Amino acid sequence: MRQRSTREAIRRVKVRNLQRTVPIDVVDLERFATKAVRCCAVLRRRKPTDLTKLREVFILFISDRRMASLHRQFLNQSGPTDVLTFQHGEIFISIETARRQARAFGNSLTRELRLYIVHGLLHLHGFDDQKRTDARKMERIQKRILAAATAEPVT
């Protein structure tokens, strides 16, 4: 059976804001995420990935408290983390962690959230960042996709 391309497989990217602490532009982030999925789709992988098999990707913005609960439940680690990605297409992003990291690195919150979206999509596409060399490779690809998906179309 022929593998569907990522463009055919993913029909929708849905972004939901499930936290109330920090206001975000859900429409802009959904638009960005849709572009980022297309950018990830052109990355060749040796075998099919979760991203190539999905019909939908869900990006859910949550609080540190909810993230800490998920982190403990699924990875047995305490405290919140920035991004958790699940193979069925759910990417959870902690708004409060993103805001702290954005301040620490001198980024806008929007840029930090976009970076986390790309990071989660790359995990769905089979990239890993557990080893130092893999993390560096993933970081280089993240920067390229972030730049490509952020670029405004020339009219």
C-alpha atoms as a PDB file:
ATOM      1  CA  MET A   1       0.000   0.000   0.000  1.00  0.00           C
ATOM      2  CA  ARG A   2       1.305   3.456  -0.905  1.00  0.00           C
ATOM      3  CA  GLN A   3       2.100   5.720   2.028  1.00  0.00           C
ATOM      4  CA  ARG A   4       0.142   8.964   1.993  1.00  0.00           C
ATOM      5  CA  SER A   5       2.147  12.135   1.983  1.00  0.00           C
ATOM      6  CA  THR A   6       2.004  14.285   5.115  1.00  0.00           C
ATOM      7  CA  ARG A   7      -0.003  16.872   3.203  1.00  0.00           C
ATOM      8  CA  GLU A   8      -2.639  14.239   2.374  1.00  0.00           C
ATOM      9  CA  ALA A   9      -2.582  12.651   5.827  1.00  0.00           C
ATOM     10  CA  ILE A  10      -2.922  15.727   8.005  1.00  0.00           C
ATOM     11  CA  ARG A  11      -6.139  17.444   7.195  1.00  0.00           C
ATOM     12  CA  ARG A  12      -6.266  19.768  10.191  1.00  0.00           C
ATOM     13  CA  VAL A  13      -4.200  21.404  12.856  1.00  0.00           C
ATOM     14  CA  LYS A  14      -6.254  22.449  15.842  1.00  0.00           C
ATOM     15  CA  VAL A  15      -5.004  24.793  18.533  1.00  0.00           C
ATOM     16  CA  ARG A  16      -6.785  25.080  21.870  1.00  0.00           C
ATOM     17  CA  ASN A  17      -6.042  27.396  24.766  1.00  0.00           C
ATOM     18  CA  LEU A  18      -6.924  25.461  27.926  1.00  0.00           C
ATOM     19  CA  GLN A  19      -5.319  27.892  30.379  1.00  0.00           C
ATOM     20  CA  ARG A  20      -6.507  31.282  31.638  1.00  0.00           C
ATOM     21  CA  THR A  21      -3.330  32.888  32.956  1.00  0.00           C
ATOM     22  CA  VAL A  22      -1.695  34.252  29.811  1.00  0.00           C
ATOM     23  CA  PRO A  23      -3.568  35.638  26.802  1.00  0.00           C
ATOM     24  CA  ILE A  24      -2.433  34.215  23.447  1.00  0.00           C
ATOM     25  CA  ASP A  25      -3.462  34.620  19.819  1.00  0.00           C
ATOM     26  CA  VAL A  26      -4.849  31.174  19.027  1.00  0.00           C
ATOM     27  CA  VAL A  27      -5.684  32.066  15.410  1.00  0.00           C
ATOM     28  CA  ASP A  28      -2.118  33.223  14.690  1.00  0.00           C
ATOM     29  CA  LEU A  29      -0.608  30.145  16.365  1.00  0.00           C
ATOM     30  CA  GLU A  30      -2.910  27.821  14.421  1.00  0.00           C
ATOM     31  CA  ARG A  31      -1.937  29.533  11.176  1.00  0.00           C
ATOM     32  CA  PHE A  32       1.741  29.178  12.086  1.00  0.00           C
ATOM     33  CA  ALA A  33       1.322  25.516  13.093  1.00  0.00           C
ATOM     34  CA  THR A  34      -0.310  24.728   9.743  1.00  0.00           C
ATOM     35  CA  LYS A  35       2.687  26.236   7.913  1.00  0.00           C
ATOM     36  CA  ALA A  36       5.102  24.406  10.215  1.00  0.00           C
ATOM     37  CA  VAL A  37       3.435  21.061   9.464  1.00  0.00           C
ATOM     38  CA  ARG A  38       3.989  21.693   5.743  1.00  0.00           C
ATOM     39  CA  CYS A  39       7.631  22.524   6.418  1.00  0.00           C
ATOM     40  CA  CYS A  40       8.088  19.327   8.427  1.00  0.00           C
ATOM     41  CA  ALA A  41       6.400  17.349   5.651  1.00  0.00           C
ATOM     42  CA  VAL A  42       9.237  18.018   3.245  1.00  0.00           C
ATOM     43  CA  LEU A  43      11.808  16.519   5.615  1.00  0.00           C
ATOM     44  CA  ARG A  44      12.608  13.033   4.390  1.00  0.00           C
ATOM     45  CA  ARG A  45      12.529  10.223   6.910  1.00  0.00           C
ATOM     46  CA  ARG A  46      13.638   6.631   6.354  1.00  0.00           C
ATOM     47  CA  LYS A  47      10.341   5.158   7.462  1.00  0.00           C
ATOM     48  CA  PRO A  48       6.813   6.430   8.101  1.00  0.00           C
ATOM     49  CA  THR A  49       6.450   8.569  11.210  1.00  0.00           C
ATOM     50  CA  ASP A  50       3.556   9.388  13.496  1.00  0.00           C
ATOM     51  CA  LEU A  51       3.293  12.748  11.731  1.00  0.00           C
ATOM     52  CA  THR A  52       2.930  11.129   8.308  1.00  0.00           C
ATOM     53  CA  LYS A  53       0.155   8.857   9.577  1.00  0.00           C
ATOM     54  CA  LEU A  54      -2.009  11.472  11.317  1.00  0.00           C
ATOM     55  CA  ARG A  55      -5.149  13.153  10.046  1.00  0.00           C
ATOM     56  CA  GLU A  56      -5.128  15.797  12.776  1.00  0.00           C
ATOM     57  CA  VAL A  57      -2.632  17.407  15.104  1.00  0.00           C
ATOM     58  CA  PHE A  58      -3.856  19.001  18.327  1.00  0.00           C
ATOM     59  CA  ILE A  59      -1.799  21.689  20.031  1.00  0.00           C
ATOM     60  CA  LEU A  60      -3.022  22.355  23.542  1.00  0.00           C
ATOM     61  CA  PHE A  61      -1.788  25.266  25.647  1.00  0.00           C
ATOM     62  CA  ILE A  62      -2.006  24.442  29.336  1.00  0.00           C
ATOM     63  CA  SER A  63      -0.915  25.686  32.773  1.00  0.00           C
ATOM     64  CA  ASP A  64       2.205  24.601  34.624  1.00  0.00           C
ATOM     65  CA  ARG A  65       0.003  22.772  37.097  1.00  0.00           C
ATOM     66  CA  ARG A  66      -1.650  20.660  34.402  1.00  0.00           C
ATOM     67  CA  MET A  67       1.716  20.092  32.683  1.00  0.00           C
ATOM     68  CA  ALA A  68       3.287  18.906  35.956  1.00  0.00           C
ATOM     69  CA  SER A  69       0.444  16.416  36.316  1.00  0.00           C
ATOM     70  CA  LEU A  70       0.959  15.067  32.778  1.00  0.00           C
ATOM     71  CA  HIS A  71       4.731  14.991  33.268  1.00  0.00           C
ATOM     72  CA  ARG A  72       4.352  12.892  36.413  1.00  0.00           C
ATOM     73  CA  GLN A  73       1.660  10.628  34.942  1.00  0.00           C
ATOM     74  CA  PHE A  74       3.409   9.795  31.668  1.00  0.00           C
ATOM     75  CA  LEU A  75       7.139  10.278  32.314  1.00  0.00           C
ATOM     76  CA  ASN A  76       7.242   9.798  36.095  1.00  0.00           C
ATOM     77  CA  GLN A  77       9.054  13.114  36.491  1.00  0.00           C
ATOM     78  CA  SER A  78       8.108  15.893  38.883  1.00  0.00           C
ATOM     79  CA  GLY A  79       7.425  19.497  37.924  1.00  0.00           C
ATOM     80  CA  PRO A  80       6.313  21.039  34.658  1.00  0.00           C
ATOM     81  CA  THR A  81       8.179  20.821  31.373  1.00  0.00           C
ATOM     82  CA  ASP A  82       7.861  22.978  28.270  1.00  0.00           C
ATOM     83  CA  VAL A  83       6.459  20.511  25.704  1.00  0.00           C
ATOM     84  CA  LEU A  84       5.020  16.999  25.840  1.00  0.00           C
ATOM     85  CA  THR A  85       4.270  15.237  22.570  1.00  0.00           C
ATOM     86  CA  PHE A  86       2.145  12.130  22.233  1.00  0.00           C
ATOM     87  CA  GLN A  87       2.185   9.820  19.223  1.00  0.00           C
ATOM     88  CA  HIS A  88      -1.525  10.276  18.482  1.00  0.00           C
ATOM     89  CA  GLY A  89      -0.895  13.902  17.579  1.00  0.00           C
ATOM     90  CA  GLU A  90      -1.331  15.764  20.848  1.00  0.00           C
ATOM     91  CA  ILE A  91       1.248  18.418  21.652  1.00  0.00           C
ATOM     92  CA  PHE A  92       0.881  19.954  25.123  1.00  0.00           C
ATOM     93  CA  ILE A  93       2.667  23.245  25.744  1.00  0.00           C
ATOM     94  CA  SER A  94       2.975  24.955  29.117  1.00  0.00           C
ATOM     95  CA  ILE A  95       2.251  28.664  28.766  1.00  0.00           C
ATOM     96  CA  GLU A  96       3.831  29.628  32.076  1.00  0.00           C
ATOM     97  CA  THR A  97       7.035  27.716  31.323  1.00  0.00           C
ATOM     98  CA  ALA A  98       7.127  29.268  27.844  1.00  0.00           C
ATOM     99  CA  ARG A  99       6.759  32.747  29.349  1.00  0.00           C
ATOM    100  CA  ARG A 100       9.623  32.135  31.812  1.00  0.00           C
ATOM    101  CA  GLN A 101      11.863  30.704  29.078  1.00  0.00           C
ATOM    102  CA  ALA A 102      11.033  33.554  26.692  1.00  0.00           C
ATOM    103  CA  ARG A 103      12.150  36.068  29.316  1.00  0.00           C
ATOM    104  CA  ALA A 104      15.301  34.073  30.116  1.00  0.00           C
ATOM    105  CA  PHE A 105      16.334  33.836  26.445  1.00  0.00           C
ATOM    106  CA  GLY A 106      15.172  37.312  25.400  1.00  0.00           C
ATOM    107  CA  ASN A 107      12.433  36.008  23.088  1.00  0.00           C
ATOM    108  CA  SER A 108       8.873  37.145  22.680  1.00  0.00           C
ATOM    109  CA  LEU A 109       6.276  34.763  24.051  1.00  0.00           C
ATOM    110  CA  THR A 110       4.956  34.201  20.525  1.00  0.00           C
ATOM    111  CA  ARG A 111       8.391  33.176  19.247  1.00  0.00           C
ATOM    112  CA  GLU A 112       8.861  30.798  22.178  1.00  0.00           C
ATOM    113  CA  LEU A 113       5.452  29.205  21.601  1.00  0.00           C
ATOM    114  CA  ARG A 114       6.213  28.808  17.892  1.00  0.00           C
ATOM    115  CA  LEU A 115       9.508  27.144  18.765  1.00  0.00           C
ATOM    116  CA  TYR A 116       7.689  24.687  21.032  1.00  0.00           C
ATOM    117  CA  ILE A 117       5.155  23.927  18.299  1.00  0.00           C
ATOM    118  CA  VAL A 118       7.971  23.087  15.878  1.00  0.00           C
ATOM    119  CA  HIS A 119       9.725  21.038  18.560  1.00  0.00           C
ATOM    120  CA  GLY A 120       6.598  18.967  19.141  1.00  0.00           C
ATOM    121  CA  LEU A 121       6.020  18.466  15.412  1.00  0.00           C
ATOM    122  CA  LEU A 122       9.597  17.260  14.959  1.00  0.00           C
ATOM    123  CA  HIS A 123       9.108  14.724  17.743  1.00  0.00           C
ATOM    124  CA  LEU A 124       6.015  13.480  15.900  1.00  0.00           C
ATOM    125  CA  HIS A 125       8.148  13.241  12.770  1.00  0.00           C
ATOM    126  CA  GLY A 126      10.614  10.894  14.458  1.00  0.00           C
ATOM    127  CA  PHE A 127      13.273  13.294  15.719  1.00  0.00           C
ATOM    128  CA  ASP A 128      14.735  12.788  19.170  1.00  0.00           C
ATOM    129  CA  ASP A 129      16.795  15.048  21.401  1.00  0.00           C
ATOM    130  CA  GLN A 130      18.006  12.667  24.094  1.00  0.00           C
ATOM    131  CA  LYS A 131      21.588  12.436  22.775  1.00  0.00           C
ATOM    132  CA  ARG A 132      23.683  15.580  22.396  1.00  0.00           C
ATOM    133  CA  THR A 133      24.304  15.046  18.654  1.00  0.00           C
ATOM    134  CA  ASP A 134      20.603  14.410  17.988  1.00  0.00           C
ATOM    135  CA  ALA A 135      19.650  17.478  20.026  1.00  0.00           C
ATOM    136  CA  ARG A 136      22.000  19.683  17.981  1.00  0.00           C
ATOM    137  CA  LYS A 137      20.600  18.304  14.724  1.00  0.00           C
ATOM    138  CA  MET A 138      17.050  18.857  15.939  1.00  0.00           C
ATOM    139  CA  GLU A 139      17.895  22.414  17.017  1.00  0.00           C
ATOM    140  CA  ARG A 140      19.296  23.253  13.553  1.00  0.00           C
ATOM    141  CA  ILE A 141      16.167  21.889  11.872  1.00  0.00           C
ATOM    142  CA  GLN A 142      13.918  23.748  14.335  1.00  0.00           C
ATOM    143  CA  LYS A 143      15.584  27.034  13.438  1.00  0.00           C
ATOM    144  CA  ARG A 144      15.117  26.398   9.711  1.00  0.00           C
ATOM    145  CA  ILE A 145      11.452  25.471  10.098  1.00  0.00           C
ATOM    146  CA  LEU A 146      10.773  28.355  12.467  1.00  0.00           C
ATOM    147  CA  ALA A 147      12.237  30.790   9.939  1.00  0.00           C
ATOM    148  CA  ALA A 148      10.400  29.233   6.973  1.00  0.00           C
ATOM    149  CA  ALA A 149       7.019  29.021   8.713  1.00  0.00           C
ATOM    150  CA  THR A 150       7.322  32.540  10.118  1.00  0.00           C
ATOM    151  CA  ALA A 151       8.231  34.150   6.815  1.00  0.00           C
ATOM    152  CA  GLU A 152       5.408  36.143   5.317  1.00  0.00           C
ATOM    153  CA  PRO A 153       4.475  35.243   1.750  1.00  0.00           C
ATOM    154  CA  VAL A 154       5.765  37.666  -0.855  1.00  0.00           C
ATOM    155  CA  THR A 155       2.909  39.414  -2.679  1.00  0.00           C
END
